[in-house]
Amino acid sequence: FRQVSQVNTTAAVNNGFAGGQAVTLAANSLSVGGINFAGSTDYTGHSSNMDTVTDNTGTARWDITSNNAATSANNHVLANISQISGNAAVANTSNSGLDVTLNDGNFQAAGITFAGSTNYTGT
C-alpha cells in the first residue's frame, strides 16, 4: 500500500518489515508506521523483539504472558516487544518466576521494559 493512513480491521497487525517500530495504542485501535489500524487491538512486533509501545488506552494493568509478550486489561495483546510506556500496574501471569530489574523509575521483566509503571505483582 502507498499513501494509506488508515485501515479498518479487527485482525491482528504483524510487523514483518523491520525492528524498532514505534506503536501507539488507543482504546480500539493501534498506530504503527504512519498507519492507524482502526478496530485492531493485537500487535506482533518484529522477530528482533525491538518494537516499542506507548499505551494511551488508560488500561489498569498489563499481564506478562511470556517473554516479550503481554496482554492488557483492555484486551490489547502484544508480542515481540521490548518496551511498554504507560502508568498501568504490571502482573506476572506467565506461570513462571521472573527476574525483575529496577532502573531509574522503570523496571524490566520478561524482556520488556515497563517505562512509567511503578506497581508490579509477581506469581
PDB file of N, CA and C in Angstrom:
ATOM      1  N   PHE A   1       0.839  -1.182   0.000  1.00  0.00           N
ATOM      2  CA  PHE A   1       0.000   0.000   0.000  1.00  0.00           C
ATOM      3  C   PHE A   1       0.876   1.235   0.000  1.00  0.00           C
ATOM      4  N   ARG A   2       0.413   2.251  -0.658  1.00  0.00           N
ATOM      5  CA  ARG A   2       1.107   3.533  -0.644  1.00  0.00           C
ATOM      6  C   ARG A   2       0.120   4.619  -0.268  1.00  0.00           C
ATOM      7  N   GLN A   3       0.598   5.545   0.531  1.00  0.00           N
ATOM      8  CA  GLN A   3      -0.187   6.695   0.959  1.00  0.00           C
ATOM      9  C   GLN A   3      -1.487   6.292   1.644  1.00  0.00           C
ATOM     10  N   VAL A   4      -1.427   5.242   2.446  1.00  0.00           N
ATOM     11  CA  VAL A   4      -2.571   4.795   3.232  1.00  0.00           C
ATOM     12  C   VAL A   4      -2.374   5.302   4.651  1.00  0.00           C
ATOM     13  N   SER A   5      -3.387   5.962   5.212  1.00  0.00           N
ATOM     14  CA  SER A   5      -3.258   6.468   6.575  1.00  0.00           C
ATOM     15  C   SER A   5      -4.136   5.708   7.566  1.00  0.00           C
ATOM     16  N   GLN A   6      -5.137   4.968   7.063  1.00  0.00           N
ATOM     17  CA  GLN A   6      -5.991   4.205   7.965  1.00  0.00           C
ATOM     18  C   GLN A   6      -6.484   2.931   7.297  1.00  0.00           C
ATOM     19  N   VAL A   7      -6.510   1.860   8.110  1.00  0.00           N
ATOM     20  CA  VAL A   7      -7.069   0.585   7.687  1.00  0.00           C
ATOM     21  C   VAL A   7      -8.083   0.181   8.746  1.00  0.00           C
ATOM     22  N   ASN A   8      -9.313  -0.125   8.338  1.00  0.00           N
ATOM     23  CA  ASN A   8     -10.337  -0.605   9.259  1.00  0.00           C
ATOM     24  C   ASN A   8     -10.303  -2.125   9.264  1.00  0.00           C
ATOM     25  N   THR A   9      -9.970  -2.691  10.435  1.00  0.00           N
ATOM     26  CA  THR A   9      -9.833  -4.139  10.534  1.00  0.00           C
ATOM     27  C   THR A   9      -9.921  -4.559  11.995  1.00  0.00           C
ATOM     28  N   THR A  10     -10.364  -5.751  12.229  1.00  0.00           N
ATOM     29  CA  THR A  10     -10.302  -6.316  13.572  1.00  0.00           C
ATOM     30  C   THR A  10      -9.199  -7.369  13.651  1.00  0.00           C
ATOM     31  N   ALA A  11      -8.463  -7.552  12.570  1.00  0.00           N
ATOM     32  CA  ALA A  11      -7.375  -8.532  12.525  1.00  0.00           C
ATOM     33  C   ALA A  11      -6.145  -8.015  13.283  1.00  0.00           C
ATOM     34  N   ALA A  12      -5.278  -8.928  13.644  1.00  0.00           N
ATOM     35  CA  ALA A  12      -4.022  -8.567  14.283  1.00  0.00           C
ATOM     36  C   ALA A  12      -3.095  -7.905  13.267  1.00  0.00           C
ATOM     37  N   VAL A  13      -2.190  -7.085  13.770  1.00  0.00           N
ATOM     38  CA  VAL A  13      -1.179  -6.438  12.943  1.00  0.00           C
ATOM     39  C   VAL A  13       0.160  -7.089  13.269  1.00  0.00           C
ATOM     40  N   ASN A  14       0.889  -7.490  12.230  1.00  0.00           N
ATOM     41  CA  ASN A  14       2.185  -8.143  12.381  1.00  0.00           C
ATOM     42  C   ASN A  14       3.255  -7.331  11.675  1.00  0.00           C
ATOM     43  N   ASN A  15       4.368  -7.102  12.348  1.00  0.00           N
ATOM     44  CA  ASN A  15       5.475  -6.361  11.772  1.00  0.00           C
ATOM     45  C   ASN A  15       6.462  -7.336  11.147  1.00  0.00           C
ATOM     46  N   GLY A  16       6.409  -7.483   9.857  1.00  0.00           N
ATOM     47  CA  GLY A  16       7.364  -8.292   9.127  1.00  0.00           C
ATOM     48  C   GLY A  16       8.389  -7.435   8.418  1.00  0.00           C
ATOM     49  N   PHE A  17       8.401  -6.124   8.707  1.00  0.00           N
ATOM     50  CA  PHE A  17       9.232  -5.175   7.989  1.00  0.00           C
ATOM     51  C   PHE A  17      10.609  -4.996   8.631  1.00  0.00           C
ATOM     52  N   ALA A  18      10.652  -4.412   9.828  1.00  0.00           N
ATOM     53  CA  ALA A  18      11.922  -4.136  10.496  1.00  0.00           C
ATOM     54  C   ALA A  18      11.686  -3.893  11.969  1.00  0.00           C
ATOM     55  N   GLY A  19      12.678  -4.209  12.788  1.00  0.00           N
ATOM     56  CA  GLY A  19      12.579  -3.981  14.217  1.00  0.00           C
ATOM     57  C   GLY A  19      12.688  -2.511  14.554  1.00  0.00           C
ATOM     58  N   GLY A  20      12.285  -2.175  15.778  1.00  0.00           N
ATOM     59  CA  GLY A  20      12.391  -0.797  16.237  1.00  0.00           C
ATOM     60  C   GLY A  20      11.208   0.072  15.879  1.00  0.00           C
ATOM     61  N   GLN A  21      10.099  -0.524  15.497  1.00  0.00           N
ATOM     62  CA  GLN A  21       8.906   0.254  15.171  1.00  0.00           C
ATOM     63  C   GLN A  21       8.282   0.810  16.454  1.00  0.00           C
ATOM     64  N   ALA A  22       7.745   2.021  16.377  1.00  0.00           N
ATOM     65  CA  ALA A  22       7.042   2.652  17.497  1.00  0.00           C
ATOM     66  C   ALA A  22       5.548   2.468  17.283  1.00  0.00           C
ATOM     67  N   VAL A  23       4.897   1.870  18.263  1.00  0.00           N
ATOM     68  CA  VAL A  23       3.464   1.559  18.192  1.00  0.00           C
ATOM     69  C   VAL A  23       2.747   2.392  19.241  1.00  0.00           C
ATOM     70  N   THR A  24       1.611   2.963  18.870  1.00  0.00           N
ATOM     71  CA  THR A  24       0.787   3.708  19.819  1.00  0.00           C
ATOM     72  C   THR A  24      -0.562   3.025  19.922  1.00  0.00           C
ATOM     73  N   LEU A  25      -0.955   2.708  21.160  1.00  0.00           N
ATOM     74  CA  LEU A  25      -2.246   2.054  21.395  1.00  0.00           C
ATOM     75  C   LEU A  25      -3.293   3.074  21.811  1.00  0.00           C
ATOM     76  N   ALA A  26      -4.483   2.947  21.236  1.00  0.00           N
ATOM     77  CA  ALA A  26      -5.668   3.673  21.680  1.00  0.00           C
ATOM     78  C   ALA A  26      -6.686   2.614  22.101  1.00  0.00           C
ATOM     79  N   ALA A  27      -7.824   3.021  22.604  1.00  0.00           N
ATOM     80  CA  ALA A  27      -8.800   2.076  23.152  1.00  0.00           C
ATOM     81  C   ALA A  27      -9.170   0.966  22.171  1.00  0.00           C
ATOM     82  N   ASN A  28      -9.460   1.298  20.928  1.00  0.00           N
ATOM     83  CA  ASN A  28      -9.896   0.299  19.951  1.00  0.00           C
ATOM     84  C   ASN A  28      -9.103   0.359  18.659  1.00  0.00           C
ATOM     85  N   SER A  29      -7.838   0.729  18.771  1.00  0.00           N
ATOM     86  CA  SER A  29      -7.008   0.807  17.571  1.00  0.00           C
ATOM     87  C   SER A  29      -5.543   0.823  17.979  1.00  0.00           C
ATOM     88  N   LEU A  30      -4.690   0.726  16.976  1.00  0.00           N
ATOM     89  CA  LEU A  30      -3.260   0.915  17.177  1.00  0.00           C
ATOM     90  C   LEU A  30      -2.694   1.579  15.942  1.00  0.00           C
ATOM     91  N   SER A  31      -1.606   2.308  16.128  1.00  0.00           N
ATOM     92  CA  SER A  31      -0.951   3.006  15.025  1.00  0.00           C
ATOM     93  C   SER A  31       0.503   2.585  14.967  1.00  0.00           C
ATOM     94  N   VAL A  32       0.977   2.314  13.769  1.00  0.00           N
ATOM     95  CA  VAL A  32       2.377   1.969  13.547  1.00  0.00           C
ATOM     96  C   VAL A  32       2.727   2.299  12.103  1.00  0.00           C
ATOM     97  N   GLY A  33       3.928   2.775  11.883  1.00  0.00           N
ATOM     98  CA  GLY A  33       4.389   3.077  10.532  1.00  0.00           C
ATOM     99  C   GLY A  33       3.545   4.118   9.818  1.00  0.00           C
ATOM    100  N   GLY A  34       2.940   5.038  10.578  1.00  0.00           N
ATOM    101  CA  GLY A  34       2.123   6.087   9.976  1.00  0.00           C
ATOM    102  C   GLY A  34       0.728   5.641   9.575  1.00  0.00           C
ATOM    103  N   ILE A  35       0.346   4.419   9.942  1.00  0.00           N
ATOM    104  CA  ILE A  35      -0.985   3.895   9.605  1.00  0.00           C
ATOM    105  C   ILE A  35      -1.751   3.601  10.881  1.00  0.00           C
ATOM    106  N   ASN A  36      -2.986   4.075  10.957  1.00  0.00           N
ATOM    107  CA  ASN A  36      -3.875   3.761  12.068  1.00  0.00           C
ATOM    108  C   ASN A  36      -4.697   2.537  11.685  1.00  0.00           C
ATOM    109  N   PHE A  37      -4.631   1.501  12.526  1.00  0.00           N
ATOM    110  CA  PHE A  37      -5.403   0.285  12.308  1.00  0.00           C
ATOM    111  C   PHE A  37      -6.615   0.338  13.231  1.00  0.00           C
ATOM    112  N   ALA A  38      -7.706   0.910  12.719  1.00  0.00           N
ATOM    113  CA  ALA A  38      -8.927   1.099  13.499  1.00  0.00           C
ATOM    114  C   ALA A  38      -9.623  -0.242  13.695  1.00  0.00           C
ATOM    115  N   GLY A  39      -9.878  -0.599  14.948  1.00  0.00           N
ATOM    116  CA  GLY A  39     -10.533  -1.860  15.263  1.00  0.00           C
ATOM    117  C   GLY A  39      -9.571  -2.959  15.665  1.00  0.00           C
ATOM    118  N   SER A  40      -8.280  -2.774  15.428  1.00  0.00           N
ATOM    119  CA  SER A  40      -7.297  -3.800  15.757  1.00  0.00           C
ATOM    120  C   SER A  40      -6.719  -3.546  17.145  1.00  0.00           C
ATOM    121  N   THR A  41      -6.608  -4.602  17.938  1.00  0.00           N
ATOM    122  CA  THR A  41      -6.047  -4.475  19.286  1.00  0.00           C
ATOM    123  C   THR A  41      -4.891  -5.441  19.537  1.00  0.00           C
ATOM    124  N   ASP A  42      -4.501  -6.235  18.551  1.00  0.00           N
ATOM    125  CA  ASP A  42      -3.412  -7.203  18.704  1.00  0.00           C
ATOM    126  C   ASP A  42      -2.241  -6.817  17.808  1.00  0.00           C
ATOM    127  N   TYR A  43      -1.035  -6.856  18.378  1.00  0.00           N
ATOM    128  CA  TYR A  43       0.148  -6.486  17.619  1.00  0.00           C
ATOM    129  C   TYR A  43       1.281  -7.460  17.918  1.00  0.00           C
ATOM    130  N   THR A  44       1.890  -7.981  16.859  1.00  0.00           N
ATOM    131  CA  THR A  44       3.096  -8.796  16.984  1.00  0.00           C
ATOM    132  C   THR A  44       4.232  -8.036  16.324  1.00  0.00           C
ATOM    133  N   GLY A  45       5.229  -7.705  17.122  1.00  0.00           N
ATOM    134  CA  GLY A  45       6.367  -6.958  16.623  1.00  0.00           C
ATOM    135  C   GLY A  45       7.303  -7.821  15.807  1.00  0.00           C
ATOM    136  N   HIS A  46       8.333  -7.196  15.298  1.00  0.00           N
ATOM    137  CA  HIS A  46       9.365  -7.866  14.517  1.00  0.00           C
ATOM    138  C   HIS A  46      10.060  -8.917  15.379  1.00  0.00           C
ATOM    139  N   SER A  47      10.579  -9.948  14.763  1.00  0.00           N
ATOM    140  CA  SER A  47      11.227 -11.043  15.488  1.00  0.00           C
ATOM    141  C   SER A  47      12.461 -10.603  16.280  1.00  0.00           C
ATOM    142  N   SER A  48      12.945  -9.393  16.046  1.00  0.00           N
ATOM    143  CA  SER A  48      14.085  -8.866  16.799  1.00  0.00           C
ATOM    144  C   SER A  48      13.694  -8.435  18.217  1.00  0.00           C
ATOM    145  N   ASN A  49      12.405  -8.421  18.519  1.00  0.00           N
ATOM    146  CA  ASN A  49      11.887  -8.006  19.831  1.00  0.00           C
ATOM    147  C   ASN A  49      12.291  -6.580  20.200  1.00  0.00           C
ATOM    148  N   MET A  50      12.359  -5.681  19.233  1.00  0.00           N
ATOM    149  CA  MET A  50      12.808  -4.319  19.492  1.00  0.00           C
ATOM    150  C   MET A  50      11.706  -3.265  19.333  1.00  0.00           C
ATOM    151  N   ASP A  51      10.482  -3.643  19.032  1.00  0.00           N
ATOM    152  CA  ASP A  51       9.403  -2.675  18.859  1.00  0.00           C
ATOM    153  C   ASP A  51       8.986  -2.122  20.222  1.00  0.00           C
ATOM    154  N   THR A  52       8.623  -0.843  20.251  1.00  0.00           N
ATOM    155  CA  THR A  52       8.226  -0.186  21.494  1.00  0.00           C
ATOM    156  C   THR A  52       6.775   0.255  21.400  1.00  0.00           C
ATOM    157  N   VAL A  53       6.102   0.295  22.547  1.00  0.00           N
ATOM    158  CA  VAL A  53       4.672   0.582  22.590  1.00  0.00           C
ATOM    159  C   VAL A  53       4.400   1.720  23.558  1.00  0.00           C
ATOM    160  N   THR A  54       3.609   2.694  23.120  1.00  0.00           N
ATOM    161  CA  THR A  54       3.088   3.734  24.000  1.00  0.00           C
ATOM    162  C   THR A  54       1.627   3.431  24.244  1.00  0.00           C
ATOM    163  N   ASP A  55       1.279   3.256  25.509  1.00  0.00           N
ATOM    164  CA  ASP A  55      -0.081   2.882  25.901  1.00  0.00           C
ATOM    165  C   ASP A  55      -0.895   4.129  26.230  1.00  0.00           C
ATOM    166  N   ASN A  56      -1.804   4.498  25.339  1.00  0.00           N
ATOM    167  CA  ASN A  56      -2.720   5.615  25.569  1.00  0.00           C
ATOM    168  C   ASN A  56      -4.136   5.126  25.849  1.00  0.00           C
ATOM    169  N   THR A  57      -4.277   3.887  26.309  1.00  0.00           N
ATOM    170  CA  THR A  57      -5.603   3.292  26.486  1.00  0.00           C
ATOM    171  C   THR A  57      -6.197   3.555  27.863  1.00  0.00           C
ATOM    172  N   GLY A  58      -5.362   3.899  28.824  1.00  0.00           N
ATOM    173  CA  GLY A  58      -5.851   4.057  30.184  1.00  0.00           C
ATOM    174  C   GLY A  58      -6.081   2.731  30.887  1.00  0.00           C
ATOM    175  N   THR A  59      -5.484   1.660  30.370  1.00  0.00           N
ATOM    176  CA  THR A  59      -5.656   0.349  30.982  1.00  0.00           C
ATOM    177  C   THR A  59      -5.141   0.354  32.412  1.00  0.00           C
ATOM    178  N   ALA A  60      -5.767  -0.443  33.253  1.00  0.00           N
ATOM    179  CA  ALA A  60      -5.366  -0.520  34.651  1.00  0.00           C
ATOM    180  C   ALA A  60      -4.182  -1.460  34.860  1.00  0.00           C
ATOM    181  N   ARG A  61      -4.028  -2.471  33.967  1.00  0.00           N
ATOM    182  CA  ARG A  61      -2.996  -3.474  34.212  1.00  0.00           C
ATOM    183  C   ARG A  61      -2.542  -4.143  32.925  1.00  0.00           C
ATOM    184  N   TRP A  62      -1.241  -4.467  32.880  1.00  0.00           N
ATOM    185  CA  TRP A  62      -0.655  -5.325  31.862  1.00  0.00           C
ATOM    186  C   TRP A  62      -0.280  -6.637  32.518  1.00  0.00           C
ATOM    187  N   ASP A  63      -0.646  -7.747  31.893  1.00  0.00           N
ATOM    188  CA  ASP A  63      -0.268  -9.073  32.359  1.00  0.00           C
ATOM    189  C   ASP A  63       0.854  -9.598  31.473  1.00  0.00           C
ATOM    190  N   ILE A  64       1.986  -9.951  32.079  1.00  0.00           N
ATOM    191  CA  ILE A  64       3.078 -10.577  31.340  1.00  0.00           C
ATOM    192  C   ILE A  64       2.670 -12.021  31.083  1.00  0.00           C
ATOM    193  N   THR A  65       2.613 -12.408  29.819  1.00  0.00           N
ATOM    194  CA  THR A  65       2.174 -13.762  29.473  1.00  0.00           C
ATOM    195  C   THR A  65       3.327 -14.688  29.092  1.00  0.00           C
ATOM    196  N   SER A  66       4.428 -14.124  28.602  1.00  0.00           N
ATOM    197  CA  SER A  66       5.642 -14.867  28.277  1.00  0.00           C
ATOM    198  C   SER A  66       6.725 -13.846  27.957  1.00  0.00           C
ATOM    199  N   ASN A  67       7.921 -14.307  27.558  1.00  0.00           N
ATOM    200  CA  ASN A  67       8.980 -13.359  27.205  1.00  0.00           C
ATOM    201  C   ASN A  67       8.534 -12.453  26.072  1.00  0.00           C
ATOM    202  N   ASN A  68       8.739 -11.156  26.265  1.00  0.00           N
ATOM    203  CA  ASN A  68       8.423 -10.124  25.271  1.00  0.00           C
ATOM    204  C   ASN A  68       6.959 -10.117  24.861  1.00  0.00           C
ATOM    205  N   ALA A  69       6.053 -10.542  25.764  1.00  0.00           N
ATOM    206  CA  ALA A  69       4.622 -10.590  25.439  1.00  0.00           C
ATOM    207  C   ALA A  69       3.785 -10.189  26.649  1.00  0.00           C
ATOM    208  N   ALA A  70       2.702  -9.446  26.376  1.00  0.00           N
ATOM    209  CA  ALA A  70       1.811  -9.002  27.448  1.00  0.00           C
ATOM    210  C   ALA A  70       0.411  -8.775  26.891  1.00  0.00           C
ATOM    211  N   THR A  71      -0.570  -8.852  27.795  1.00  0.00           N
ATOM    212  CA  THR A  71      -1.969  -8.601  27.461  1.00  0.00           C
ATOM    213  C   THR A  71      -2.500  -7.571  28.442  1.00  0.00           C
ATOM    214  N   SER A  72      -3.256  -6.591  27.937  1.00  0.00           N
ATOM    215  CA  SER A  72      -3.778  -5.554  28.828  1.00  0.00           C
ATOM    216  C   SER A  72      -5.160  -5.914  29.342  1.00  0.00           C
ATOM    217  N   ALA A  73      -5.554  -5.242  30.414  1.00  0.00           N
ATOM    218  CA  ALA A  73      -6.912  -5.400  30.939  1.00  0.00           C
ATOM    219  C   ALA A  73      -7.943  -4.932  29.913  1.00  0.00           C
ATOM    220  N   ASN A  74      -7.519  -4.119  28.943  1.00  0.00           N
ATOM    221  CA  ASN A  74      -8.401  -3.641  27.861  1.00  0.00           C
ATOM    222  C   ASN A  74      -8.360  -4.552  26.641  1.00  0.00           C
ATOM    223  N   ASN A  75      -7.762  -5.732  26.781  1.00  0.00           N
ATOM    224  CA  ASN A  75      -7.710  -6.762  25.735  1.00  0.00           C
ATOM    225  C   ASN A  75      -6.786  -6.453  24.566  1.00  0.00           C
ATOM    226  N   HIS A  76      -5.778  -5.623  24.757  1.00  0.00           N
ATOM    227  CA  HIS A  76      -4.721  -5.498  23.761  1.00  0.00           C
ATOM    228  C   HIS A  76      -3.741  -6.641  23.999  1.00  0.00           C
ATOM    229  N   VAL A  77      -3.353  -7.316  22.934  1.00  0.00           N
ATOM    230  CA  VAL A  77      -2.420  -8.442  23.025  1.00  0.00           C
ATOM    231  C   VAL A  77      -1.162  -8.063  22.248  1.00  0.00           C
ATOM    232  N   LEU A  78      -0.012  -8.114  22.936  1.00  0.00           N
ATOM    233  CA  LEU A  78       1.253  -7.722  22.324  1.00  0.00           C
ATOM    234  C   LEU A  78       2.249  -8.863  22.396  1.00  0.00           C
ATOM    235  N   ALA A  79       3.079  -8.987  21.366  1.00  0.00           N
ATOM    236  CA  ALA A  79       4.154  -9.981  21.335  1.00  0.00           C
ATOM    237  C   ALA A  79       5.358  -9.387  20.620  1.00  0.00           C
ATOM    238  N   ASN A  80       6.548  -9.896  20.927  1.00  0.00           N
ATOM    239  CA  ASN A  80       7.801  -9.459  20.305  1.00  0.00           C
ATOM    240  C   ASN A  80       8.044  -7.963  20.506  1.00  0.00           C
ATOM    241  N   ILE A  81       7.866  -7.497  21.730  1.00  0.00           N
ATOM    242  CA  ILE A  81       8.083  -6.084  22.021  1.00  0.00           C
ATOM    243  C   ILE A  81       9.168  -5.931  23.079  1.00  0.00           C
ATOM    244  N   SER A  82       9.784  -4.744  23.126  1.00  0.00           N
ATOM    245  CA  SER A  82      10.847  -4.503  24.102  1.00  0.00           C
ATOM    246  C   SER A  82      10.447  -3.515  25.182  1.00  0.00           C
ATOM    247  N   GLN A  83       9.415  -2.687  24.928  1.00  0.00           N
ATOM    248  CA  GLN A  83       9.055  -1.672  25.916  1.00  0.00           C
ATOM    249  C   GLN A  83       7.584  -1.311  25.816  1.00  0.00           C
ATOM    250  N   ILE A  84       6.974  -1.081  26.991  1.00  0.00           N
ATOM    251  CA  ILE A  84       5.635  -0.509  27.076  1.00  0.00           C
ATOM    252  C   ILE A  84       5.750   0.728  27.954  1.00  0.00           C
ATOM    253  N   SER A  85       5.356   1.880  27.416  1.00  0.00           N
ATOM    254  CA  SER A  85       5.360   3.127  28.181  1.00  0.00           C
ATOM    255  C   SER A  85       3.934   3.445  28.599  1.00  0.00           C
ATOM    256  N   GLY A  86       3.736   3.672  29.883  1.00  0.00           N
ATOM    257  CA  GLY A  86       2.429   3.994  30.431  1.00  0.00           C
ATOM    258  C   GLY A  86       2.488   3.832  31.936  1.00  0.00           C
ATOM    259  N   ASN A  87       1.391   4.089  32.617  1.00  0.00           N
ATOM    260  CA  ASN A  87       1.435   4.044  34.073  1.00  0.00           C
ATOM    261  C   ASN A  87       0.605   2.915  34.676  1.00  0.00           C
ATOM    262  N   ALA A  88       0.272   1.915  33.893  1.00  0.00           N
ATOM    263  CA  ALA A  88      -0.530   0.793  34.384  1.00  0.00           C
ATOM    264  C   ALA A  88       0.298  -0.106  35.301  1.00  0.00           C
ATOM    265  N   ALA A  89      -0.385  -0.787  36.199  1.00  0.00           N
ATOM    266  CA  ALA A  89       0.252  -1.819  37.016  1.00  0.00           C
ATOM    267  C   ALA A  89       0.624  -2.991  36.112  1.00  0.00           C
ATOM    268  N   VAL A  90       1.552  -3.817  36.585  1.00  0.00           N
ATOM    269  CA  VAL A  90       2.015  -4.971  35.815  1.00  0.00           C
ATOM    270  C   VAL A  90       1.943  -6.204  36.711  1.00  0.00           C
ATOM    271  N   ALA A  91       1.452  -7.312  36.152  1.00  0.00           N
ATOM    272  CA  ALA A  91       1.372  -8.568  36.899  1.00  0.00           C
ATOM    273  C   ALA A  91       1.985  -9.696  36.081  1.00  0.00           C
ATOM    274  N   ASN A  92       2.640 -10.619  36.758  1.00  0.00           N
ATOM    275  CA  ASN A  92       3.192 -11.798  36.110  1.00  0.00           C
ATOM    276  C   ASN A  92       2.125 -12.882  36.095  1.00  0.00           C
ATOM    277  N   THR A  93       1.574 -13.169  34.938  1.00  0.00           N
ATOM    278  CA  THR A  93       0.605 -14.259  34.789  1.00  0.00           C
ATOM    279  C   THR A  93       1.164 -15.363  33.902  1.00  0.00           C
ATOM    280  N   SER A  94       2.490 -15.406  33.762  1.00  0.00           N
ATOM    281  CA  SER A  94       3.146 -16.363  32.862  1.00  0.00           C
ATOM    282  C   SER A  94       3.274 -17.760  33.460  1.00  0.00           C
ATOM    283  N   ASN A  95       2.910 -17.926  34.708  1.00  0.00           N
ATOM    284  CA  ASN A  95       3.042 -19.205  35.416  1.00  0.00           C
ATOM    285  C   ASN A  95       4.486 -19.643  35.593  1.00  0.00           C
ATOM    286  N   SER A  96       5.408 -18.691  35.533  1.00  0.00           N
ATOM    287  CA  SER A  96       6.805 -18.991  35.831  1.00  0.00           C
ATOM    288  C   SER A  96       7.408 -17.801  36.560  1.00  0.00           C
ATOM    289  N   GLY A  97       8.416 -18.063  37.375  1.00  0.00           N
ATOM    290  CA  GLY A  97       9.086 -16.992  38.082  1.00  0.00           C
ATOM    291  C   GLY A  97       9.856 -16.103  37.124  1.00  0.00           C
ATOM    292  N   LEU A  98       9.899 -14.819  37.402  1.00  0.00           N
ATOM    293  CA  LEU A  98      10.610 -13.870  36.546  1.00  0.00           C
ATOM    294  C   LEU A  98      11.591 -13.059  37.377  1.00  0.00           C
ATOM    295  N   ASP A  99      12.740 -12.770  36.801  1.00  0.00           N
ATOM    296  CA  ASP A  99      13.657 -11.810  37.396  1.00  0.00           C
ATOM    297  C   ASP A  99      13.172 -10.419  37.030  1.00  0.00           C
ATOM    298  N   VAL A 100      13.141  -9.526  37.999  1.00  0.00           N
ATOM    299  CA  VAL A 100      12.714  -8.144  37.766  1.00  0.00           C
ATOM    300  C   VAL A 100      13.890  -7.237  38.100  1.00  0.00           C
ATOM    301  N   THR A 101      14.226  -6.332  37.172  1.00  0.00           N
ATOM    302  CA  THR A 101      15.325  -5.395  37.355  1.00  0.00           C
ATOM    303  C   THR A 101      14.774  -3.981  37.433  1.00  0.00           C
ATOM    304  N   LEU A 102      15.105  -3.266  38.510  1.00  0.00           N
ATOM    305  CA  LEU A 102      14.691  -1.870  38.678  1.00  0.00           C
ATOM    306  C   LEU A 102      15.778  -0.963  38.138  1.00  0.00           C
ATOM    307  N   ASN A 103      15.365   0.114  37.437  1.00  0.00           N
ATOM    308  CA  ASN A 103      16.336   1.015  36.841  1.00  0.00           C
ATOM    309  C   ASN A 103      15.709   2.386  36.624  1.00  0.00           C
ATOM    310  N   ASP A 104      16.095   3.376  37.424  1.00  0.00           N
ATOM    311  CA  ASP A 104      15.674   4.768  37.248  1.00  0.00           C
ATOM    312  C   ASP A 104      14.168   4.938  37.070  1.00  0.00           C
ATOM    313  N   GLY A 105      13.365   4.344  37.934  1.00  0.00           N
ATOM    314  CA  GLY A 105      11.919   4.521  37.876  1.00  0.00           C
ATOM    315  C   GLY A 105      11.218   3.609  36.892  1.00  0.00           C
ATOM    316  N   ASN A 106      11.974   2.807  36.168  1.00  0.00           N
ATOM    317  CA  ASN A 106      11.403   1.807  35.270  1.00  0.00           C
ATOM    318  C   ASN A 106      11.739   0.433  35.832  1.00  0.00           C
ATOM    319  N   PHE A 107      11.118  -0.582  35.302  1.00  0.00           N
ATOM    320  CA  PHE A 107      11.575  -1.927  35.628  1.00  0.00           C
ATOM    321  C   PHE A 107      11.474  -2.801  34.395  1.00  0.00           C
ATOM    322  N   GLN A 108      12.258  -3.873  34.416  1.00  0.00           N
ATOM    323  CA  GLN A 108      12.280  -4.802  33.297  1.00  0.00           C
ATOM    324  C   GLN A 108      11.963  -6.196  33.800  1.00  0.00           C
ATOM    325  N   ALA A 109      11.090  -6.877  33.064  1.00  0.00           N
ATOM    326  CA  ALA A 109      10.739  -8.261  33.358  1.00  0.00           C
ATOM    327  C   ALA A 109      10.371  -8.942  32.049  1.00  0.00           C
ATOM    328  N   ALA A 110      10.803 -10.165  31.868  1.00  0.00           N
ATOM    329  CA  ALA A 110      10.477 -10.979  30.682  1.00  0.00           C
ATOM    330  C   ALA A 110      10.874 -10.285  29.380  1.00  0.00           C
ATOM    331  N   GLY A 111      11.976  -9.538  29.414  1.00  0.00           N
ATOM    332  CA  GLY A 111      12.461  -8.877  28.204  1.00  0.00           C
ATOM    333  C   GLY A 111      11.752  -7.587  27.852  1.00  0.00           C
ATOM    334  N   ILE A 112      10.842  -7.124  28.710  1.00  0.00           N
ATOM    335  CA  ILE A 112      10.087  -5.896  28.455  1.00  0.00           C
ATOM    336  C   ILE A 112      10.457  -4.854  29.498  1.00  0.00           C
ATOM    337  N   THR A 113      10.784  -3.637  29.050  1.00  0.00           N
ATOM    338  CA  THR A 113      10.948  -2.514  29.953  1.00  0.00           C
ATOM    339  C   THR A 113       9.590  -1.854  30.113  1.00  0.00           C
ATOM    340  N   PHE A 114       9.148  -1.695  31.350  1.00  0.00           N
ATOM    341  CA  PHE A 114       7.885  -1.027  31.648  1.00  0.00           C
ATOM    342  C   PHE A 114       8.216   0.383  32.122  1.00  0.00           C
ATOM    343  N   ALA A 115       8.161   1.331  31.204  1.00  0.00           N
ATOM    344  CA  ALA A 115       8.510   2.717  31.481  1.00  0.00           C
ATOM    345  C   ALA A 115       7.295   3.447  32.041  1.00  0.00           C
ATOM    346  N   GLY A 116       7.428   3.979  33.254  1.00  0.00           N
ATOM    347  CA  GLY A 116       6.338   4.711  33.879  1.00  0.00           C
ATOM    348  C   GLY A 116       5.487   3.868  34.818  1.00  0.00           C
ATOM    349  N   SER A 117       5.622   2.577  34.777  1.00  0.00           N
ATOM    350  CA  SER A 117       4.869   1.695  35.681  1.00  0.00           C
ATOM    351  C   SER A 117       5.635   1.584  36.997  1.00  0.00           C
ATOM    352  N   THR A 118       4.908   1.631  38.090  1.00  0.00           N
ATOM    353  CA  THR A 118       5.561   1.556  39.395  1.00  0.00           C
ATOM    354  C   THR A 118       5.003   0.445  40.274  1.00  0.00           C
ATOM    355  N   ASN A 119       4.057  -0.331  39.771  1.00  0.00           N
ATOM    356  CA  ASN A 119       3.429  -1.375  40.573  1.00  0.00           C
ATOM    357  C   ASN A 119       3.585  -2.717  39.859  1.00  0.00           C
ATOM    358  N   TYR A 120       4.254  -3.674  40.520  1.00  0.00           N
ATOM    359  CA  TYR A 120       4.474  -4.991  39.947  1.00  0.00           C
ATOM    360  C   TYR A 120       4.013  -6.057  40.939  1.00  0.00           C
ATOM    361  N   THR A 121       3.279  -7.044  40.443  1.00  0.00           N
ATOM    362  CA  THR A 121       2.861  -8.181  41.249  1.00  0.00           C
ATOM    363  C   THR A 121       3.404  -9.447  40.608  1.00  0.00           C
ATOM    364  N   GLY A 122       4.196 -10.203  41.363  1.00  0.00           N
ATOM    365  CA  GLY A 122       4.751 -11.457  40.857  1.00  0.00           C
ATOM    366  C   GLY A 122       3.812 -12.617  41.122  1.00  0.00           C
ATOM    367  N   THR A 123       4.248 -13.816  40.749  1.00  0.00           N
ATOM    368  CA  THR A 123       3.410 -15.005  40.985  1.00  0.00           C
ATOM    369  C   THR A 123       3.704 -15.601  42.330  1.00  0.00           C
TER     370      THR A 123
END
